[in-house]
Every structure is written in C-alpha cells, then in structure tokens.
Amino acid sequence: MKKLLVSVSAAALLLSSSLAISQETLRVLTWKGYAPAKLVKAFEKETGIKVKLTYSNNEEMIAKLRATRGAGFDIAQPSQDRIAFVQKKYPIYQPIDFSKVDTAQLTTSMVDAVKKNAGVDGKAYAVPHCYGTTGMIVNKKLAPDANDWSDLWNEKYAGKISYRLKRPLLIATAFGMGKDPFALYGDKKAYKALMKEVETKLIDSKKYVKNYWTSGDTQVQIIKSGDANVISGWDGKGWSVHKDNPDIDFIAPKSGALGWIDTFAIPAKSKNVEGAYKWINFMLKPKNAAYFTNKEGYGTASKGADEFLSKEIKDNFSRSFTKEDIDNIKWHPPVPDGFEKIEAKVLDRIKAAK
C-alpha cells in the first residue's frame, strides 16, 4: 500500500509539473513581424508566461495544425478567410469565448466581420488582429475627382489608368458597378452571371487602360512616373509614394475598399488556453497595438490605438479613411469551391481580348 501511495504521489507530482510547464509557456504560430520583441518581453514580464514563437504563413499554419489535429501550439494567426473552410473539414480550432476577450477595445465592424467570415455552425473561431486594404492610388492634382472603383473605366482618365489583372480587380469592379459579389457566394449560377457582366465591363474599357501592374514595385513606378494617374493599389504603397509626392495618395473607394484581416485563433488542443486569451488582450491593448502598427504599418483592430500612433502613420490613416470608410471596407470572406476557376477563366478572356 505504501508503494502504491508513493507511486500515486509521484504520478500526481509529474502531472502537476507538466501542467505547470504548459501554463508557463505560450506557443505562438504567427507571421514574421506580428510579435515584436519588445511586446513579447513586456508580456512575459507582466504574466510570467514564456513565449515561444514559430513563424509561418497561411498554408503552413493549416498544414501544421492539420497534421497534429490542432495540437502543438496555443495560439495561431490565420487570415480570416482561411479558417471556416478548414474548420468544417478538419476541426483544428476551438470556438472563441468572447467573454474572455476585451471587445470594448476593438473595432466593432471588424469583430462582426470575423465572427461572420470565420464562423462555423453559429460559432466564431477568431478575433481580429490587423488588416490591410486595396483601393485607389490617385494623383489628386491631375485626377482630382477620381474617388471610386468606377474610375478604373472612366473615359475621363483614358490612357492614364492602370490595375492588376487578378481576382481582386473582378471583385472591385463588381462593387464599382453597384453589385455585391460576396452576397452571391452561396449562388454559383448568379455569381457566374455577375462575373460575365464584370468581364464585359473590363473588356469594353480596355481601350482606356495604359498598362497592367504586376507587383508592389511596378504599381509604385507607374504612378510615380506619371504613366498613370488613377490605379488600383495597396494602402502601404500609396502612402509610401505620398512621402515623395504629396499630390499622390491612397484613397478608399466610396463603394468600399477591399480588405484582409489577420486574426488570433486558438488551436483545438491548446495546452494554455488562458494564456492565449491573455496574449490576445495584451496585443490588442491600444498602446501595444499602436506599437505594432507604428513598426509594421498595418492597420489594427484596436480602436483606441489612434492616440498612440506616430504622426506619419496617423496622418496616413486619417487622410485615407474616415470612420465610415473603415466600416465600409469589404472584408474578403472565404472563397467557395469552384469560384476561383470561374474567375480565372474571366481573367484569361479579359487578357486575351483586343
């Protein structure tokens, strides 16, 4: 009996030690730049939890968590449109308990978007962290009235228009035509018909297009050189050009910029769920979120961060986005099976059209 008690006590001690170790460590699967060293050290000092970082991307995150059925990490940072379709097939995440999230410090429209786009069977699986947008980069001196996607086929700017011939252009064109392509993601036939309208619009207006840009560097070069005055583009690239030429700037189209959101999600077999919620709330504290945005340039879901942004970053966002513009961002939802094939054929026909 004495030997049995010793064995039980030893087992209990081992289990207790194992739990203590798991609670003292937070294994974070994230993108490079998303966990600045200064914030990691501050979190460790505040909570006593040791942070172990693994850098990844959407595809690798999915592969790692699928291989372990949601084990090996305590928190991950997938994009909001890469969660629901994976979760339906492979339950690698656990539902978010929003009673443990300080939503009062978050932008409501982003929380709502993530709940919708990263939701499965009425349960939400992510919390918004940061975002970026695609909109217009405009030389406001030479094209002062350009303010919407529809200006990408405006005869007024003939020969001075440029865009990237990829699927976001099709989505943007639909919104610029007053349609909501995302609302048709549940109706393949209706979506195909809308893409045909978009195809016709873009083929008919090819005569106004100077050229297509293919990378971040080429979009900058096209607008800086004056080859084009109205282009589609990324917010950060528009702001970088503005530093050199104040006449050029990023504009949120009035029918809505297109946006991506990267999130916090908790893997199904996280060993430190409480630590994960502490990390989420810590990283989204306005001052900490502002430090991240000042360093990386991405927008933050923390609505109180504005107060702590650098003047340059704050000016960028305030010039390009009103609160209404932020709330009007069209956040990319998960793309249904087969839809990208429809879009690829449309893009091929636009490219081949004379």
Protein backbone atom coordinates (compact mmCIF):
# COMPACT_ATOMS: atom_id res chain seq x y z
CA MET A 1 0.00 0.00 0.00
CA LYS A 2 2.86 2.33 0.88
CA LYS A 3 4.48 1.68 -2.51
CA LEU A 4 1.15 2.38 -4.22
CA LEU A 5 0.78 5.70 -2.38
CA VAL A 6 4.30 6.67 -3.38
CA SER A 7 3.58 5.79 -7.00
CA VAL A 8 0.32 7.77 -6.98
CA SER A 9 2.03 10.74 -5.36
CA ALA A 10 4.83 10.62 -7.91
CA ALA A 11 2.33 10.47 -10.76
CA ALA A 12 0.39 13.40 -9.33
CA LEU A 13 3.59 15.38 -8.94
CA LEU A 14 4.58 14.61 -12.53
CA LEU A 15 1.14 15.65 -13.81
CA SER A 16 1.23 18.83 -11.74
CA SER A 17 4.71 19.63 -13.08
CA SER A 18 3.57 19.01 -16.66
CA LEU A 19 0.57 21.30 -16.23
CA ALA A 20 2.73 23.99 -14.67
CA ILE A 21 5.13 23.87 -17.62
CA SER A 22 2.28 24.12 -20.13
CA GLN A 23 0.76 27.05 -18.26
CA GLU A 24 4.11 28.85 -18.10
CA THR A 25 4.70 28.61 -21.86
CA LEU A 26 2.69 30.05 -24.74
CA ARG A 27 3.45 28.54 -28.15
CA VAL A 28 2.59 31.12 -30.81
CA LEU A 29 2.27 30.27 -34.51
CA THR A 30 2.41 33.61 -36.29
CA TRP A 31 3.70 35.75 -39.16
CA LYS A 32 7.07 37.48 -39.04
CA GLY A 33 6.66 40.93 -37.54
CA TYR A 34 3.43 40.11 -35.71
CA ALA A 35 5.11 39.54 -32.33
CA PRO A 36 7.64 42.36 -31.85
CA ALA A 37 10.41 41.51 -29.37
CA LYS A 38 9.56 44.50 -27.15
CA LEU A 39 5.96 43.35 -26.75
CA VAL A 40 6.98 39.73 -26.17
CA LYS A 41 9.29 40.79 -23.33
CA ALA A 42 6.60 43.03 -21.84
CA PHE A 43 4.05 40.20 -21.96
CA GLU A 44 6.45 37.75 -20.32
CA LYS A 45 7.23 40.23 -17.56
CA GLU A 46 3.55 41.05 -16.96
CA THR A 47 2.23 37.48 -16.97
CA GLY A 48 5.17 35.24 -16.11
CA ILE A 49 4.41 33.24 -19.24
CA LYS A 50 7.30 32.33 -21.54
CA VAL A 51 6.53 32.93 -25.23
CA LYS A 52 7.82 30.50 -27.86
CA LEU A 53 7.45 31.85 -31.42
CA THR A 54 7.17 29.88 -34.66
CA TYR A 55 6.93 31.93 -37.86
CA SER A 56 4.68 30.73 -40.61
CA ASN A 57 2.10 31.66 -43.27
CA ASN A 58 -1.47 30.62 -44.00
CA GLU A 59 -0.64 27.45 -45.91
CA GLU A 60 1.94 26.27 -43.37
CA MET A 61 -0.34 27.05 -40.42
CA ILE A 62 -3.07 24.90 -41.92
CA ALA A 63 -0.64 22.08 -42.70
CA LYS A 64 0.94 22.09 -39.23
CA LEU A 65 -2.38 22.11 -37.39
CA ARG A 66 -3.96 19.53 -39.69
CA ALA A 67 -1.03 17.19 -39.15
CA THR A 68 -1.50 17.34 -35.36
CA ARG A 69 -5.30 17.75 -35.32
CA GLY A 70 -4.88 21.13 -33.64
CA ALA A 71 -2.02 20.31 -31.28
CA GLY A 72 1.46 21.72 -30.87
CA PHE A 73 0.52 25.40 -30.50
CA ASP A 74 -1.55 27.51 -28.12
CA ILE A 75 -2.43 30.33 -30.50
CA ALA A 76 -2.24 30.85 -34.26
CA GLN A 77 -2.76 33.81 -36.59
CA PRO A 78 -4.51 32.73 -39.80
CA SER A 79 -6.24 35.16 -42.14
CA GLN A 80 -9.97 35.34 -41.52
CA ASP A 81 -10.85 33.87 -44.93
CA ARG A 82 -8.66 30.78 -44.29
CA ILE A 83 -10.49 29.47 -41.22
CA ALA A 84 -14.07 28.37 -41.88
CA PHE A 85 -13.48 26.01 -44.82
CA VAL A 86 -10.63 24.29 -42.93
CA GLN A 87 -12.60 24.08 -39.70
CA LYS A 88 -15.53 22.39 -41.45
CA LYS A 89 -13.29 19.61 -42.77
CA TYR A 90 -10.68 19.40 -40.04
CA PRO A 91 -11.71 20.77 -36.61
CA ILE A 92 -8.28 22.24 -35.78
CA TYR A 93 -9.52 25.28 -33.83
CA GLN A 94 -11.76 25.76 -30.81
CA PRO A 95 -14.59 28.31 -30.58
CA ILE A 96 -13.69 31.72 -29.19
CA ASP A 97 -15.15 32.55 -25.78
CA PHE A 98 -15.79 36.25 -26.29
CA SER A 99 -16.49 36.72 -22.59
CA LYS A 100 -12.71 36.39 -22.21
CA VAL A 101 -11.94 38.93 -24.95
CA ASP A 102 -11.89 42.65 -24.21
CA THR A 103 -14.10 43.56 -27.17
CA ALA A 104 -14.59 47.08 -25.80
CA GLN A 105 -11.14 47.93 -27.18
CA LEU A 106 -11.90 46.51 -30.64
CA THR A 107 -13.46 47.98 -33.79
CA THR A 108 -16.98 46.55 -33.85
CA SER A 109 -17.25 46.19 -37.63
CA MET A 110 -14.08 44.06 -37.70
CA VAL A 111 -15.26 41.84 -34.87
CA ASP A 112 -18.57 41.35 -36.69
CA ALA A 113 -16.80 40.58 -39.98
CA VAL A 114 -14.55 37.97 -38.40
CA LYS A 115 -17.42 36.37 -36.49
CA LYS A 116 -19.26 36.02 -39.79
CA ASN A 117 -16.40 35.04 -42.09
CA ALA A 118 -14.57 32.78 -39.62
CA GLY A 119 -17.74 31.25 -38.19
CA VAL A 120 -18.95 27.65 -38.43
CA ASP A 121 -22.34 26.42 -37.24
CA GLY A 122 -23.03 29.61 -35.34
CA LYS A 123 -19.69 29.60 -33.50
CA ALA A 124 -16.86 32.10 -34.11
CA TYR A 125 -13.29 30.86 -34.31
CA ALA A 126 -11.18 34.02 -34.41
CA VAL A 127 -10.55 37.52 -33.07
CA PRO A 128 -9.36 40.30 -35.43
CA HIS A 129 -5.77 41.49 -35.05
CA CYS A 130 -4.64 43.60 -38.02
CA TYR A 131 -5.68 44.47 -41.55
CA GLY A 132 -4.67 45.93 -44.89
CA THR A 133 -6.63 47.20 -47.86
CA THR A 134 -6.68 47.52 -51.62
CA GLY A 135 -8.15 50.71 -53.02
CA MET A 136 -7.14 53.53 -55.34
CA ILE A 137 -3.84 55.34 -55.67
CA VAL A 138 -4.54 58.66 -57.33
CA ASN A 139 -2.62 61.71 -58.45
CA LYS A 140 -5.11 64.16 -56.97
CA LYS A 141 -3.60 67.12 -58.83
CA LEU A 142 -4.18 65.50 -62.22
CA ALA A 143 -7.29 63.46 -61.35
CA PRO A 144 -8.96 65.40 -58.52
CA ASP A 145 -12.39 63.77 -58.93
CA ALA A 146 -11.27 60.13 -59.01
CA ASN A 147 -12.67 58.50 -55.88
CA ASP A 148 -14.20 55.15 -56.74
CA TRP A 149 -13.59 51.82 -58.46
CA SER A 150 -15.72 53.04 -61.35
CA ASP A 151 -12.95 55.48 -62.25
CA LEU A 152 -10.93 52.50 -63.45
CA TRP A 153 -13.14 52.54 -66.55
CA ASN A 154 -13.86 56.27 -66.65
CA GLU A 155 -13.28 57.70 -70.15
CA LYS A 156 -12.18 60.93 -68.48
CA TYR A 157 -8.91 59.22 -67.47
CA ALA A 158 -8.32 57.37 -70.75
CA GLY A 159 -4.70 56.34 -71.19
CA LYS A 160 -3.90 57.10 -67.57
CA ILE A 161 -5.45 54.06 -65.86
CA SER A 162 -3.65 51.01 -64.55
CA TYR A 163 -4.56 47.99 -62.43
CA ARG A 164 -3.50 44.45 -61.64
CA LEU A 165 -5.33 41.80 -63.63
CA LYS A 166 -6.10 39.48 -60.71
CA ARG A 167 -9.26 38.34 -58.92
CA PRO A 168 -9.45 41.39 -56.55
CA LEU A 169 -9.97 43.52 -59.68
CA LEU A 170 -13.08 41.49 -60.54
CA ILE A 171 -14.44 41.92 -57.01
CA ALA A 172 -13.66 45.66 -57.05
CA THR A 173 -15.30 46.10 -60.45
CA ALA A 174 -18.48 44.44 -59.22
CA PHE A 175 -18.66 46.79 -56.23
CA GLY A 176 -17.92 49.72 -58.53
CA MET A 177 -20.89 48.65 -60.64
CA GLY A 178 -23.12 48.78 -57.56
CA LYS A 179 -23.23 44.99 -57.09
CA ASP A 180 -22.23 42.89 -54.09
CA PRO A 181 -20.29 39.83 -55.28
CA PHE A 182 -19.83 38.45 -51.77
CA ALA A 183 -23.61 38.27 -51.34
CA LEU A 184 -23.65 35.77 -54.22
CA TYR A 185 -21.09 33.37 -52.74
CA GLY A 186 -23.95 31.00 -51.98
CA ASP A 187 -25.29 31.02 -55.56
CA LYS A 188 -22.76 29.82 -58.13
CA LYS A 189 -25.05 30.46 -61.11
CA ALA A 190 -25.76 34.05 -60.06
CA TYR A 191 -22.08 34.67 -59.35
CA LYS A 192 -21.10 33.37 -62.77
CA ALA A 193 -23.64 35.74 -64.36
CA LEU A 194 -22.22 38.68 -62.39
CA MET A 195 -18.68 37.80 -63.45
CA LYS A 196 -19.88 37.87 -67.06
CA GLU A 197 -21.09 41.45 -66.52
CA VAL A 198 -17.74 42.33 -64.97
CA GLU A 199 -15.92 40.73 -67.89
CA THR A 200 -17.90 42.77 -70.40
CA LYS A 201 -17.24 45.99 -68.48
CA LEU A 202 -13.50 45.43 -68.30
CA ILE A 203 -13.17 44.29 -71.93
CA ASP A 204 -15.15 47.29 -73.17
CA SER A 205 -12.93 49.64 -71.18
CA LYS A 206 -9.55 48.12 -72.08
CA LYS A 207 -9.04 50.99 -74.52
CA TYR A 208 -8.72 53.36 -71.54
CA VAL A 209 -6.03 51.31 -69.78
CA LYS A 210 -2.39 52.30 -70.07
CA ASN A 211 -1.00 49.01 -68.73
CA TYR A 212 -1.31 46.37 -66.01
CA TRP A 213 0.89 46.42 -62.94
CA THR A 214 2.17 43.11 -61.60
CA SER A 215 3.92 43.83 -58.30
CA GLY A 216 4.26 46.33 -55.50
CA ASP A 217 7.28 47.88 -57.18
CA THR A 218 5.57 48.27 -60.55
CA GLN A 219 2.47 49.91 -59.10
CA VAL A 220 4.69 52.47 -57.42
CA GLN A 221 6.73 53.10 -60.56
CA ILE A 222 3.64 53.55 -62.76
CA ILE A 223 2.04 56.20 -60.55
CA LYS A 224 5.33 57.96 -59.72
CA SER A 225 6.42 58.21 -63.34
CA GLY A 226 3.10 59.67 -64.48
CA ASP A 227 2.36 56.76 -66.83
CA ALA A 228 -0.95 56.53 -64.98
CA ASN A 229 -2.80 58.87 -62.64
CA VAL A 230 -5.56 56.51 -61.48
CA ILE A 231 -4.63 52.99 -60.44
CA SER A 232 -5.76 50.25 -58.12
CA GLY A 233 -3.23 49.72 -55.35
CA TRP A 234 -2.33 48.78 -51.82
CA ASP A 235 -2.62 51.25 -48.96
CA GLY A 236 1.00 50.99 -47.84
CA LYS A 237 2.32 51.55 -51.36
CA GLY A 238 0.12 54.62 -51.82
CA TRP A 239 1.36 56.09 -48.57
CA SER A 240 5.00 55.41 -49.47
CA VAL A 241 4.58 57.37 -52.72
CA HIS A 242 2.83 60.20 -50.87
CA LYS A 243 6.01 60.79 -48.84
CA ASP A 244 7.83 61.69 -52.06
CA ASN A 245 4.96 63.35 -53.90
CA PRO A 246 2.13 64.83 -51.76
CA ASP A 247 -0.10 65.04 -54.86
CA ILE A 248 -0.33 61.23 -54.89
CA ASP A 249 -2.16 59.30 -52.19
CA PHE A 250 -4.14 56.21 -51.33
CA ILE A 251 -7.92 56.66 -51.42
CA ALA A 252 -10.60 54.37 -50.03
CA PRO A 253 -13.13 53.99 -52.90
CA LYS A 254 -16.57 55.29 -51.99
CA SER A 255 -18.10 51.90 -52.82
CA GLY A 256 -15.68 50.27 -50.38
CA ALA A 257 -12.01 49.33 -50.20
CA LEU A 258 -11.24 45.60 -50.23
CA GLY A 259 -9.72 44.34 -47.02
CA TRP A 260 -7.99 41.37 -45.44
CA ILE A 261 -7.88 40.66 -41.72
CA ASP A 262 -5.34 38.50 -39.92
CA THR A 263 -6.65 37.06 -36.69
CA PHE A 264 -5.97 35.28 -33.43
CA ALA A 265 -7.30 31.72 -33.32
CA ILE A 266 -6.88 29.08 -30.63
CA PRO A 267 -5.93 25.57 -31.80
CA ALA A 268 -8.22 22.74 -30.72
CA LYS A 269 -5.62 21.11 -28.46
CA SER A 270 -4.04 24.24 -26.98
CA LYS A 271 -2.43 23.47 -23.62
CA ASN A 272 -2.58 27.07 -22.46
CA VAL A 273 -5.97 28.49 -23.39
CA GLU A 274 -5.94 31.05 -20.60
CA GLY A 275 -2.53 32.23 -21.72
CA ALA A 276 -3.85 32.53 -25.27
CA TYR A 277 -6.62 34.89 -24.14
CA LYS A 278 -4.10 36.90 -22.14
CA TRP A 279 -1.96 37.22 -25.29
CA ILE A 280 -4.94 38.34 -27.39
CA ASN A 281 -5.99 41.01 -24.92
CA PHE A 282 -2.41 42.15 -24.35
CA MET A 283 -1.60 42.52 -28.05
CA LEU A 284 -4.84 44.44 -28.65
CA LYS A 285 -4.35 46.93 -25.84
CA PRO A 286 -4.32 50.29 -27.64
CA LYS A 287 -0.75 51.20 -26.71
CA ASN A 288 0.61 47.77 -27.68
CA ALA A 289 -1.43 47.63 -30.88
CA ALA A 290 -0.15 51.09 -31.82
CA TYR A 291 3.44 49.96 -31.27
CA PHE A 292 2.83 47.10 -33.72
CA THR A 293 1.21 49.40 -36.30
CA ASN A 294 3.95 52.02 -35.99
CA LYS A 295 6.52 49.29 -36.57
CA GLU A 296 4.84 47.27 -39.33
CA GLY A 297 2.46 49.78 -40.94
CA TYR A 298 -0.62 47.54 -40.88
CA GLY A 299 -3.92 48.78 -39.55
CA THR A 300 -5.04 47.45 -36.19
CA ALA A 301 -8.39 46.21 -34.91
CA SER A 302 -7.72 48.07 -31.65
CA LYS A 303 -9.91 51.14 -31.90
CA GLY A 304 -8.10 53.06 -29.17
CA ALA A 305 -4.70 52.76 -30.82
CA ASP A 306 -5.03 56.05 -32.74
CA GLU A 307 -3.96 58.00 -29.68
CA PHE A 308 -0.56 56.29 -29.67
CA LEU A 309 0.24 56.19 -33.39
CA SER A 310 3.16 58.14 -34.79
CA LYS A 311 2.20 61.33 -36.61
CA GLU A 312 3.11 59.87 -40.00
CA ILE A 313 1.08 56.69 -39.53
CA LYS A 314 -1.85 58.55 -38.01
CA ASP A 315 -1.85 61.05 -40.88
CA ASN A 316 -1.84 58.22 -43.42
CA PHE A 317 -4.94 56.61 -41.97
CA SER A 318 -6.77 59.88 -41.33
CA ARG A 319 -6.20 61.10 -44.91
CA SER A 320 -7.41 57.87 -46.45
CA PHE A 321 -10.13 56.63 -44.09
CA THR A 322 -13.00 58.18 -42.25
CA LYS A 323 -14.77 56.01 -39.68
CA GLU A 324 -17.43 55.41 -42.34
CA ASP A 325 -14.73 54.26 -44.79
CA ILE A 326 -13.44 51.76 -42.23
CA ASP A 327 -16.93 50.42 -41.60
CA ASN A 328 -17.49 50.20 -45.38
CA ILE A 329 -14.43 48.03 -46.08
CA LYS A 330 -15.43 44.88 -47.93
CA TRP A 331 -13.64 42.16 -45.98
CA HIS A 332 -12.76 39.13 -48.08
CA PRO A 333 -14.81 36.10 -46.99
CA PRO A 334 -13.76 32.50 -47.72
CA VAL A 335 -14.00 31.75 -51.45
CA PRO A 336 -16.42 28.86 -52.19
CA ASP A 337 -15.20 25.81 -54.07
CA GLY A 338 -15.14 26.33 -57.83
CA PHE A 339 -15.44 30.12 -57.77
CA GLU A 340 -11.76 30.79 -58.41
CA LYS A 341 -11.99 28.67 -61.57
CA ILE A 342 -14.82 30.92 -62.80
CA GLU A 343 -12.71 33.99 -62.07
CA ALA A 344 -9.60 32.53 -63.72
CA LYS A 345 -11.48 31.98 -66.99
CA VAL A 346 -12.86 35.53 -66.86
CA LEU A 347 -9.37 36.94 -66.32
CA ASP A 348 -8.00 34.88 -69.22
CA ARG A 349 -10.68 36.22 -71.56
CA ILE A 350 -10.09 39.81 -70.48
CA LYS A 351 -6.37 39.44 -71.04
CA ALA A 352 -6.85 37.90 -74.48
CA ALA A 353 -9.47 40.41 -75.67
CA LYS A 354 -8.35 43.01 -78.23
